[in-house]
Amino acid sequence: MRLLNGLLLSLLAGCATTASTRAALPGEAVANGVMLIRGVFVPGAQPDGNTVLLRGSNGFVVVDSGRHAAHATRIIEAARDSGLPVIAIVNTHWHLDHVAGNAALREAFPQAEVHASNAIDDALSGFLADYRKQLQDLVGSGDASPENVPTWQAEIARIDAGAQLRPTHSVTAPQDRSLADRSVHLGLEGNAISGGDVWLYDKATRTLVTGDLVTLPVPLFDTACSEGWQQALARLDAIGFSRLVPGHGAPMDHVQFRLYRDSFDRLLACAASDAPAQTCKTGWLRDIAPLIPQQDAALAGSLLDYYIPQVLRAPPEHRARYCRTGNAS
């Protein structure tokens, strides 16, 4: 979800497709009491991140709430159909495709508490404020296509729901919590994707929910510190999980995660070398092929055509702009 380099805006351009016009995938069981509602990530449309619902004795824990109204509606309906409320929302990070659905969930379940890092505060006054201005300029431009304006206005409305996107309980350090009577560990990575990435480990089922610390079909480098991200993946690898739910893409086991981590390391090493960008892209597509459907290869390639030259091979001061000193885990 990069702003200044124009990747997200290029995805929005010509994008009148919304979640409500795409076929919704049914929720799928990940483990006992753990259900995945997959986000949609396709060319020409704004994505939704994955949502995980953990069922407890008195309600649901929702990890990430998506972007579009249709995605949030699926979460709300899943809870209501079960007869249990949403009592906690955990946001892994502040990107709109993971947090914008908070507003609808909190309206439907006013008692729901939100657990997340405080990184969204800086985003709302910085990155997202700048993004909002660009969207407003697009809406007001004489060149705006009428079919695109509603998409841009919807993004502006998501940003303007800022108060509903903030945590009610700030995650400022790693901690064990009981949420909906489920014993979970909330980890915190301060130097990886967004300046404050929360991950959740459900101890009973050994399920790890990572948000965008793991994404398919490619890593999303828009607001990331690549070196810090590598270190975060090493810490995740040390957890004894049996299954992992990424921020985008299909769940994986620990062996598959190690394939992802090794592929990530090779991609960064290639980008730091003198190898042609095409070689780095081809290497990623070869390495990661067991984890993504063939139909996702084109999207992966188009994203890497942007990320390799514009982010991974940007000047050092640009690559380090989101890197911070210190980290919690």
Protein backbone atom coordinates (compact mmCIF):
# COMPACT_ATOMS: atom_id res chain seq x y z
CA MET A 1 0.00 0.00 0.00
CA ARG A 2 2.66 2.48 -1.05
CA LEU A 3 1.63 6.09 -1.55
CA LEU A 4 4.39 8.29 -2.91
CA ASN A 5 5.64 5.87 -5.56
CA GLY A 6 2.14 5.49 -6.91
CA LEU A 7 1.69 1.70 -6.78
CA LEU A 8 -1.58 1.82 -4.87
CA LEU A 9 -2.88 4.71 -6.94
CA SER A 10 -2.07 2.81 -10.12
CA LEU A 11 -4.05 -0.13 -8.76
CA LEU A 12 -6.96 2.21 -8.05
CA ALA A 13 -6.84 3.82 -11.48
CA GLY A 14 -9.45 2.25 -13.70
CA CYS A 15 -10.68 0.20 -10.76
CA ALA A 16 -14.44 0.40 -10.47
CA THR A 17 -14.56 -3.23 -9.26
CA THR A 18 -15.52 -3.55 -5.62
CA ALA A 19 -15.72 -6.42 -3.19
CA SER A 20 -19.49 -6.52 -3.49
CA THR A 21 -19.25 -7.47 -7.18
CA ARG A 22 -16.76 -10.29 -6.62
CA ALA A 23 -17.75 -13.78 -5.54
CA ALA A 24 -17.22 -14.21 -1.80
CA LEU A 25 -15.29 -17.24 -0.67
CA PRO A 26 -16.81 -19.19 2.23
CA GLY A 27 -15.07 -19.25 5.58
CA GLU A 28 -12.77 -22.22 6.05
CA ALA A 29 -11.70 -24.11 9.15
CA VAL A 30 -8.03 -23.74 10.06
CA ALA A 31 -8.07 -25.51 13.43
CA ASN A 32 -10.50 -26.27 16.24
CA GLY A 33 -12.39 -23.05 16.83
CA VAL A 34 -10.30 -21.14 14.27
CA MET A 35 -11.85 -19.99 10.99
CA LEU A 36 -10.34 -18.09 8.07
CA ILE A 37 -12.25 -15.61 5.93
CA ARG A 38 -9.93 -15.06 3.03
CA GLY A 39 -9.34 -11.62 1.63
CA VAL A 40 -9.40 -10.99 -2.09
CA PHE A 41 -6.17 -9.87 -3.78
CA VAL A 42 -6.50 -9.65 -7.55
CA PRO A 43 -5.26 -7.25 -10.24
CA GLY A 44 -7.39 -4.17 -10.81
CA ALA A 45 -9.08 -4.13 -7.41
CA GLN A 46 -8.28 -2.95 -3.92
CA PRO A 47 -7.39 -5.93 -1.70
CA ASP A 48 -8.82 -7.18 1.56
CA GLY A 49 -6.46 -8.87 3.97
CA ASN A 50 -7.23 -12.24 5.50
CA THR A 51 -9.44 -12.34 8.60
CA VAL A 52 -9.16 -15.02 11.28
CA LEU A 53 -11.96 -15.70 13.77
CA LEU A 54 -11.15 -17.49 17.01
CA ARG A 55 -14.21 -18.82 18.79
CA GLY A 56 -14.17 -18.66 22.57
CA SER A 57 -16.68 -19.56 25.25
CA ASN A 58 -18.29 -16.11 25.26
CA GLY A 59 -17.60 -14.70 21.80
CA PHE A 60 -15.17 -14.25 18.95
CA VAL A 61 -11.73 -12.76 18.59
CA VAL A 62 -11.37 -11.24 15.12
CA VAL A 63 -7.86 -10.81 13.77
CA ASP A 64 -7.94 -8.11 11.08
CA SER A 65 -11.13 -6.73 9.62
CA GLY A 66 -10.48 -6.18 5.91
CA ARG A 67 -11.16 -3.13 3.82
CA HIS A 68 -14.47 -3.44 1.99
CA ALA A 69 -17.97 -3.38 3.46
CA ALA A 70 -18.71 -6.79 1.96
CA HIS A 71 -15.77 -8.34 3.79
CA ALA A 72 -16.79 -6.80 7.13
CA THR A 73 -20.36 -8.00 6.54
CA ARG A 74 -19.14 -11.58 6.19
CA ILE A 75 -17.39 -11.30 9.56
CA ILE A 76 -20.49 -9.85 11.23
CA GLU A 77 -22.76 -12.49 9.70
CA ALA A 78 -20.44 -15.33 10.74
CA ALA A 79 -20.57 -14.12 14.34
CA ARG A 80 -24.32 -13.53 14.37
CA ASP A 81 -25.05 -16.89 12.75
CA SER A 82 -23.16 -18.55 15.60
CA GLY A 83 -25.14 -16.65 18.24
CA LEU A 84 -21.97 -15.17 19.74
CA PRO A 85 -20.72 -11.57 19.61
CA VAL A 86 -17.35 -10.24 18.57
CA ILE A 87 -15.72 -9.26 21.85
CA ALA A 88 -12.18 -8.51 20.69
CA ILE A 89 -10.51 -7.27 17.51
CA VAL A 90 -6.78 -7.67 17.02
CA ASN A 91 -5.28 -5.56 14.24
CA THR A 92 -1.93 -6.81 13.03
CA HIS A 93 -1.08 -3.42 11.49
CA TRP A 94 -2.65 -0.21 10.21
CA HIS A 95 -2.87 -0.83 6.43
CA LEU A 96 -6.44 -0.20 5.32
CA ASP A 97 -6.96 -3.70 3.96
CA HIS A 98 -6.53 -5.01 7.52
CA VAL A 99 -8.10 -2.31 9.68
CA ALA A 100 -10.84 -0.43 7.78
CA GLY A 101 -13.53 -2.96 8.70
CA ASN A 102 -13.14 -2.00 12.37
CA ALA A 103 -15.75 0.73 12.02
CA ALA A 104 -18.49 -1.66 10.88
CA LEU A 105 -17.54 -4.30 13.46
CA ARG A 106 -17.55 -1.80 16.32
CA GLU A 107 -20.93 -0.47 15.21
CA ALA A 108 -22.34 -4.00 15.13
CA PHE A 109 -20.64 -5.01 18.41
CA PRO A 110 -20.15 -1.83 20.48
CA GLN A 111 -18.51 -3.69 23.37
CA ALA A 112 -15.72 -5.08 21.20
CA GLU A 113 -12.25 -4.05 22.33
CA VAL A 114 -9.47 -3.39 19.85
CA HIS A 115 -5.94 -4.61 20.51
CA ALA A 116 -3.25 -3.14 18.25
CA SER A 117 -0.06 -1.13 18.27
CA ASN A 118 -0.03 2.65 18.32
CA ALA A 119 1.66 2.85 14.92
CA ILE A 120 -1.66 3.88 13.39
CA ASP A 121 -1.38 7.28 15.10
CA ASP A 122 1.69 8.20 13.07
CA ALA A 123 0.07 6.75 9.94
CA LEU A 124 -3.11 8.83 10.31
CA SER A 125 -1.10 12.03 10.61
CA GLY A 126 1.51 11.04 8.04
CA PHE A 127 1.20 8.31 5.42
CA LEU A 128 -2.59 8.06 5.41
CA ALA A 129 -3.03 11.85 5.56
CA ASP A 130 -0.81 12.20 2.49
CA TYR A 131 -2.67 9.39 0.77
CA ARG A 132 -5.98 11.08 1.55
CA LYS A 133 -4.77 14.31 -0.03
CA GLN A 134 -3.75 12.49 -3.19
CA LEU A 135 -7.14 10.81 -3.36
CA GLN A 136 -8.93 14.12 -2.80
CA ASP A 137 -6.87 15.68 -5.59
CA LEU A 138 -7.86 12.80 -7.87
CA VAL A 139 -11.54 13.25 -7.06
CA GLY A 140 -11.32 16.96 -7.78
CA SER A 141 -9.29 16.66 -10.97
CA GLY A 142 -10.93 17.23 -14.30
CA ASP A 143 -9.31 14.04 -15.56
CA ALA A 144 -11.10 11.77 -13.09
CA SER A 145 -13.15 9.01 -14.74
CA PRO A 146 -16.67 8.98 -13.27
CA GLU A 147 -16.49 5.25 -12.57
CA ASN A 148 -13.36 5.71 -10.43
CA VAL A 149 -14.61 8.53 -8.20
CA PRO A 150 -16.73 6.30 -5.89
CA THR A 151 -13.71 4.05 -5.30
CA TRP A 152 -11.55 7.01 -4.29
CA GLN A 153 -14.30 8.52 -2.14
CA ALA A 154 -14.72 5.20 -0.34
CA GLU A 155 -11.00 5.18 0.49
CA ILE A 156 -11.27 8.71 1.86
CA ALA A 157 -14.19 7.65 4.06
CA ARG A 158 -12.13 4.74 5.43
CA ILE A 159 -9.34 7.09 6.44
CA ASP A 160 -11.82 9.54 7.94
CA ALA A 161 -13.07 6.80 10.27
CA GLY A 162 -9.74 7.23 12.07
CA ALA A 163 -11.09 7.19 15.62
CA GLN A 164 -12.74 3.82 14.99
CA LEU A 165 -9.50 2.37 13.65
CA ARG A 166 -7.43 3.09 16.74
CA PRO A 167 -6.88 0.54 19.51
CA THR A 168 -8.75 0.65 22.79
CA HIS A 169 -5.92 -1.45 24.27
CA SER A 170 -2.47 -0.59 22.97
CA VAL A 171 -0.01 -3.41 22.42
CA THR A 172 3.31 -1.85 23.41
CA ALA A 173 5.19 -5.04 24.31
CA PRO A 174 4.82 -8.80 23.81
CA GLN A 175 2.22 -10.20 26.18
CA ASP A 176 0.06 -13.18 27.06
CA ARG A 177 -3.67 -12.46 27.04
CA SER A 178 -6.92 -14.28 27.58
CA LEU A 179 -9.29 -13.18 24.83
CA ALA A 180 -12.72 -14.81 24.68
CA ASP A 181 -11.29 -17.34 27.15
CA ARG A 182 -8.62 -18.35 24.64
CA SER A 183 -5.03 -18.18 25.82
CA VAL A 184 -3.06 -16.25 23.21
CA HIS A 185 0.30 -14.56 22.91
CA LEU A 186 0.49 -11.20 21.18
CA GLY A 187 3.90 -10.51 19.71
CA LEU A 188 5.12 -7.12 18.53
CA GLU A 189 7.58 -6.33 15.76
CA GLY A 190 8.59 -2.68 15.71
CA ASN A 191 10.84 -2.71 12.68
CA ALA A 192 9.28 -4.84 9.98
CA ILE A 193 6.16 -3.92 7.97
CA SER A 194 4.43 -0.92 9.51
CA GLY A 195 6.39 0.30 12.51
CA GLY A 196 4.24 -1.78 14.86
CA ASP A 197 3.23 -5.24 13.65
CA VAL A 198 1.25 -7.44 16.02
CA TRP A 199 1.08 -11.19 15.57
CA LEU A 200 -1.10 -13.63 17.46
CA TYR A 201 -0.26 -17.17 18.57
CA ASP A 202 -3.18 -19.33 19.68
CA LYS A 203 -1.63 -21.74 22.16
CA ALA A 204 -4.32 -24.43 22.16
CA THR A 205 -4.16 -25.03 18.41
CA ARG A 206 -0.57 -23.87 17.78
CA THR A 207 -1.91 -21.47 15.14
CA LEU A 208 0.15 -18.38 14.29
CA VAL A 209 -1.59 -15.40 12.65
CA THR A 210 1.04 -13.10 11.18
CA GLY A 211 -0.67 -10.33 9.25
CA ASP A 212 1.60 -9.01 6.52
CA LEU A 213 4.76 -10.42 8.07
CA VAL A 214 3.94 -13.22 5.63
CA THR A 215 2.15 -12.44 2.37
CA LEU A 216 1.54 -14.23 -0.91
CA PRO A 217 2.06 -14.09 -3.81
CA VAL A 218 4.94 -11.71 -2.89
CA PRO A 219 6.19 -9.80 0.14
CA LEU A 220 4.61 -6.34 0.22
CA PHE A 221 7.48 -3.90 0.75
CA ASP A 222 5.53 -0.63 0.65
CA THR A 223 6.10 0.58 4.23
CA ALA A 224 8.59 -2.09 5.27
CA CYS A 225 12.12 -2.23 6.60
CA SER A 226 13.49 -5.21 4.70
CA GLU A 227 16.35 -5.99 7.08
CA GLY A 228 14.10 -5.76 10.13
CA TRP A 229 11.56 -7.93 8.35
CA GLN A 230 14.20 -10.63 7.83
CA GLN A 231 14.91 -10.61 11.55
CA ALA A 232 11.20 -10.81 12.35
CA LEU A 233 10.81 -13.88 10.13
CA ALA A 234 13.67 -15.54 12.00
CA ARG A 235 11.84 -14.94 15.29
CA LEU A 236 8.61 -16.36 13.87
CA ASP A 237 10.52 -19.43 12.73
CA ALA A 238 11.51 -20.09 16.34
CA ILE A 239 7.87 -20.41 17.42
CA GLY A 240 6.57 -23.96 17.65
CA PHE A 241 3.53 -23.37 15.45
CA SER A 242 1.93 -26.11 13.39
CA ARG A 243 0.02 -23.82 11.05
CA LEU A 244 0.38 -20.20 9.98
CA VAL A 245 -2.21 -17.85 8.50
CA PRO A 246 -0.60 -15.08 6.42
CA GLY A 247 -1.94 -11.60 5.79
CA HIS A 248 -2.66 -12.58 2.18
CA GLY A 249 -2.72 -16.06 0.72
CA ALA A 250 -3.38 -19.59 1.91
CA PRO A 251 -2.47 -21.04 5.31
CA MET A 252 0.81 -22.96 5.48
CA ASP A 253 2.57 -25.38 7.78
CA HIS A 254 5.99 -24.80 9.33
CA VAL A 255 7.88 -26.50 6.51
CA GLN A 256 6.12 -24.30 3.98
CA PHE A 257 6.92 -21.22 6.06
CA ARG A 258 10.59 -22.09 5.95
CA LEU A 259 10.33 -22.29 2.17
CA TYR A 260 8.79 -18.79 2.27
CA ARG A 261 11.51 -17.48 4.56
CA ASP A 262 14.31 -18.96 2.43
CA SER A 263 12.71 -17.51 -0.71
CA PHE A 264 12.45 -14.10 0.99
CA ASP A 265 16.14 -14.18 1.89
CA ARG A 266 17.13 -15.14 -1.65
CA LEU A 267 14.99 -12.36 -3.12
CA LEU A 268 16.67 -9.74 -0.94
CA ALA A 269 20.12 -11.14 -1.70
CA CYS A 270 19.42 -11.07 -5.43
CA ALA A 271 18.07 -7.51 -5.28
CA ALA A 272 21.24 -6.43 -3.45
CA SER A 273 23.43 -7.99 -6.15
CA ASP A 274 24.21 -6.96 -9.72
CA ALA A 275 21.87 -9.60 -11.13
CA PRO A 276 19.26 -8.39 -13.62
CA ALA A 277 15.89 -7.63 -12.08
CA GLN A 278 14.36 -10.29 -14.32
CA THR A 279 16.65 -12.88 -12.73
CA CYS A 280 15.45 -11.89 -9.25
CA LYS A 281 11.82 -12.03 -10.32
CA THR A 282 12.23 -15.40 -12.02
CA GLY A 283 14.01 -16.73 -8.93
CA TRP A 284 11.14 -15.73 -6.64
CA LEU A 285 8.51 -17.20 -8.94
CA ARG A 286 10.48 -20.46 -9.12
CA ASP A 287 11.15 -20.64 -5.38
CA ILE A 288 7.64 -19.78 -4.24
CA ALA A 289 5.75 -21.80 -6.88
CA PRO A 290 4.73 -24.58 -4.41
CA LEU A 291 2.90 -21.99 -2.28
CA ILE A 292 0.89 -20.04 -4.86
CA PRO A 293 -1.64 -21.06 -7.51
CA GLN A 294 -0.38 -20.75 -11.07
CA GLN A 295 -2.96 -18.05 -11.77
CA ASP A 296 -1.30 -15.81 -9.17
CA ALA A 297 2.06 -15.83 -10.97
CA ALA A 298 1.12 -12.90 -13.21
CA LEU A 299 0.14 -10.74 -10.23
CA ALA A 300 3.34 -11.73 -8.46
CA GLY A 301 5.41 -10.80 -11.48
CA SER A 302 3.75 -7.41 -11.92
CA LEU A 303 4.28 -6.56 -8.24
CA LEU A 304 7.95 -7.53 -8.40
CA ASP A 305 8.37 -5.46 -11.56
CA TYR A 306 7.60 -2.54 -9.28
CA TYR A 307 9.18 -3.59 -5.98
CA ILE A 308 12.60 -4.65 -7.24
CA PRO A 309 13.61 -1.43 -9.03
CA GLN A 310 11.51 1.07 -7.08
CA VAL A 311 11.91 -0.23 -3.51
CA LEU A 312 14.56 -2.94 -3.14
CA ARG A 313 17.00 -1.13 -5.45
CA ALA A 314 16.08 2.40 -4.43
CA PRO A 315 18.82 4.66 -2.98
CA PRO A 316 19.90 3.63 0.55
CA GLU A 317 18.14 6.54 2.23
CA HIS A 318 14.88 5.54 0.56
CA ARG A 319 15.24 1.86 1.47
CA ALA A 320 15.91 2.78 5.10
CA ARG A 321 13.14 5.34 5.47
CA TYR A 322 10.90 2.95 7.43
CA CYS A 323 13.67 1.36 9.48
CA ARG A 324 13.79 2.10 13.19
CA THR A 325 16.19 1.32 15.96
CA GLY A 326 15.14 -1.24 18.51
CA ASN A 327 12.42 -3.89 18.33
CA ALA A 328 10.02 -5.84 20.49
CA SER A 329 9.14 -9.45 19.84
